[in-house]
Protein backbone atom coordinates (compact mmCIF):
# COMPACT_ATOMS: atom_id res chain seq x y z
CA MET A 1 -39.55 -28.24 -62.85
CA PRO A 2 -41.80 -25.26 -63.82
CA ARG A 3 -40.14 -22.21 -65.18
CA PRO A 4 -40.14 -19.21 -62.88
CA VAL A 5 -42.66 -16.49 -63.71
CA VAL A 6 -41.13 -13.00 -63.99
CA ARG A 7 -43.53 -10.37 -62.79
CA LEU A 8 -43.17 -6.83 -64.16
CA LEU A 9 -44.56 -4.01 -62.08
CA GLY A 10 -46.80 -1.72 -64.04
CA VAL A 11 -48.12 1.73 -63.31
CA VAL A 12 -51.71 2.40 -62.80
CA PRO A 13 -52.68 5.77 -64.22
CA GLY A 14 -54.89 7.89 -62.11
CA PRO A 15 -56.34 11.35 -62.18
CA ILE A 16 -54.24 14.31 -61.14
CA ARG A 17 -55.63 15.97 -58.02
CA GLY A 18 -55.88 19.67 -58.23
CA GLY A 19 -56.55 19.65 -61.94
CA GLN A 20 -54.15 22.36 -63.06
CA ILE A 21 -50.42 22.36 -63.91
CA GLY A 22 -48.92 25.82 -64.68
CA GLY A 23 -52.29 27.48 -65.14
CA GLN A 24 -53.50 24.84 -67.64
CA GLU A 25 -55.82 21.93 -67.22
CA ALA A 26 -53.85 18.69 -66.88
CA SER A 27 -54.75 16.28 -69.63
CA ALA A 28 -52.20 13.52 -68.89
CA PRO A 29 -52.95 11.05 -66.17
CA ARG A 30 -50.65 10.90 -63.17
CA GLN A 31 -49.24 7.78 -61.56
CA ASN A 32 -51.21 6.52 -58.60
CA ILE A 33 -48.45 5.24 -56.29
CA ALA A 34 -50.87 3.87 -53.62
CA ALA A 35 -52.82 1.73 -56.19
CA PRO A 36 -52.17 -2.01 -56.33
CA ARG A 37 -49.77 -3.01 -59.08
CA PRO A 38 -51.14 -5.23 -61.86
CA CYS A 39 -49.28 -8.45 -62.40
CA VAL A 40 -47.91 -8.89 -65.95
CA VAL A 41 -46.42 -12.12 -66.99
CA GLY A 42 -43.12 -11.54 -68.62
CA TYR A 43 -40.60 -13.69 -70.50
CA ALA A 44 -40.39 -17.41 -69.81
CA ALA A 45 -36.75 -17.62 -70.91
CA VAL A 46 -34.23 -18.25 -68.09
CA VAL A 47 -31.49 -15.66 -68.10
CA GLY A 48 -29.29 -17.07 -65.29
CA GLU A 49 -29.24 -19.40 -62.39
CA LEU A 50 -30.03 -17.83 -59.00
CA ILE A 51 -27.85 -19.15 -56.14
CA PRO A 52 -28.88 -18.17 -52.68
CA PHE A 53 -26.40 -15.90 -50.84
CA ALA A 54 -26.47 -18.24 -47.83
CA GLU A 55 -25.37 -21.14 -50.06
CA LEU A 56 -22.39 -19.13 -51.29
CA VAL A 57 -21.41 -18.21 -47.77
CA ARG A 58 -21.70 -21.85 -46.64
CA MET A 59 -19.54 -23.11 -49.52
CA ARG A 60 -16.89 -20.42 -48.72
CA ARG A 61 -16.79 -21.35 -45.02
CA GLN A 62 -16.50 -25.02 -45.87
CA ARG A 63 -13.58 -24.32 -48.24
CA VAL A 64 -11.80 -22.12 -45.69
CA ALA A 65 -12.49 -24.72 -42.91
CA ARG A 66 -11.01 -27.55 -45.05
CA ALA A 67 -7.89 -25.40 -45.82
CA VAL A 68 -7.38 -24.53 -42.11
CA HIS A 69 -7.80 -28.19 -41.13
CA ALA A 70 -5.34 -29.41 -43.66
CA ARG A 71 -2.82 -26.75 -42.45
CA CYS A 72 -3.42 -27.85 -38.82
CA ARG A 73 -2.77 -31.45 -39.72
CA MET A 74 0.50 -30.53 -41.46
CA LEU A 75 1.61 -28.55 -38.33
CA ILE A 76 0.74 -31.41 -36.05
CA ALA A 77 2.70 -33.86 -38.22
CA ALA A 78 5.73 -31.52 -38.22
CA SER A 79 5.44 -31.21 -34.35
CA ILE A 80 5.47 -35.04 -34.06
CA ASP A 81 8.57 -35.25 -36.18
CA ALA A 82 10.30 -32.59 -34.10
CA ALA A 83 9.14 -34.26 -30.83
CA ARG A 84 10.69 -37.54 -32.01
CA ILE A 85 14.05 -35.87 -32.75
CA GLU A 86 13.98 -34.11 -29.37
CA LEU A 87 13.12 -37.44 -27.66
CA VAL A 88 16.27 -39.07 -29.19
CA THR A 89 18.50 -36.16 -28.22
CA ALA A 90 16.99 -35.42 -24.81
CA PRO A 91 18.82 -36.14 -21.61
CA VAL A 92 17.63 -39.21 -19.62
CA SER A 93 15.98 -37.04 -16.95
CA GLU A 94 13.67 -35.38 -19.53
CA ARG A 95 12.68 -38.47 -21.51
CA ARG A 96 9.50 -39.18 -19.55
CA ILE A 97 8.25 -35.67 -20.28
CA ARG A 98 9.13 -35.93 -23.94
CA VAL A 99 7.43 -39.32 -24.34
CA ALA A 100 4.25 -37.89 -22.70
CA ARG A 101 4.32 -34.92 -25.11
CA LEU A 102 4.91 -37.24 -28.15
CA ARG A 103 1.98 -39.35 -27.02
CA LYS A 104 -0.31 -36.33 -26.72
CA LEU A 105 0.62 -35.06 -30.15
CA GLU A 106 0.08 -38.53 -31.69
CA GLN A 107 -3.45 -38.65 -30.01
CA LEU A 108 -4.18 -35.12 -31.41
CA GLU A 109 -3.15 -36.28 -34.88
CA GLN A 110 -5.44 -39.31 -34.67
CA TYR A 111 -8.33 -37.08 -33.59
CA ALA A 112 -7.69 -34.64 -36.44
CA ASP A 113 -7.52 -37.58 -38.92
CA MET A 114 -10.94 -38.74 -37.61
CA LEU A 115 -12.50 -35.36 -38.29
CA GLY A 116 -11.49 -35.49 -41.90
């Protein structure tokens, strides 16, 4: 991989327009801001590694998403445990509702496990 070339911006001297500074003729050239900058090849030593900002943002988002997903899976598992306990202690008239709820939570847990 070729080393990056560092370009240093130089200043192109140009004449002072008007010719006088403080009543005296100007002898020092003035910077010409509109002139094209010459390209000067600088040092070839690598000072540090450049990581694009978008890559940092992507890595942070992935780390946060993984943490949220893990927390969500823990909450679903705790809800399944609580639903199983409620199913055992529920009156007979409510058991069909509790079984359906437990089934939905288990399906949700399977889906979350498939995602990662």
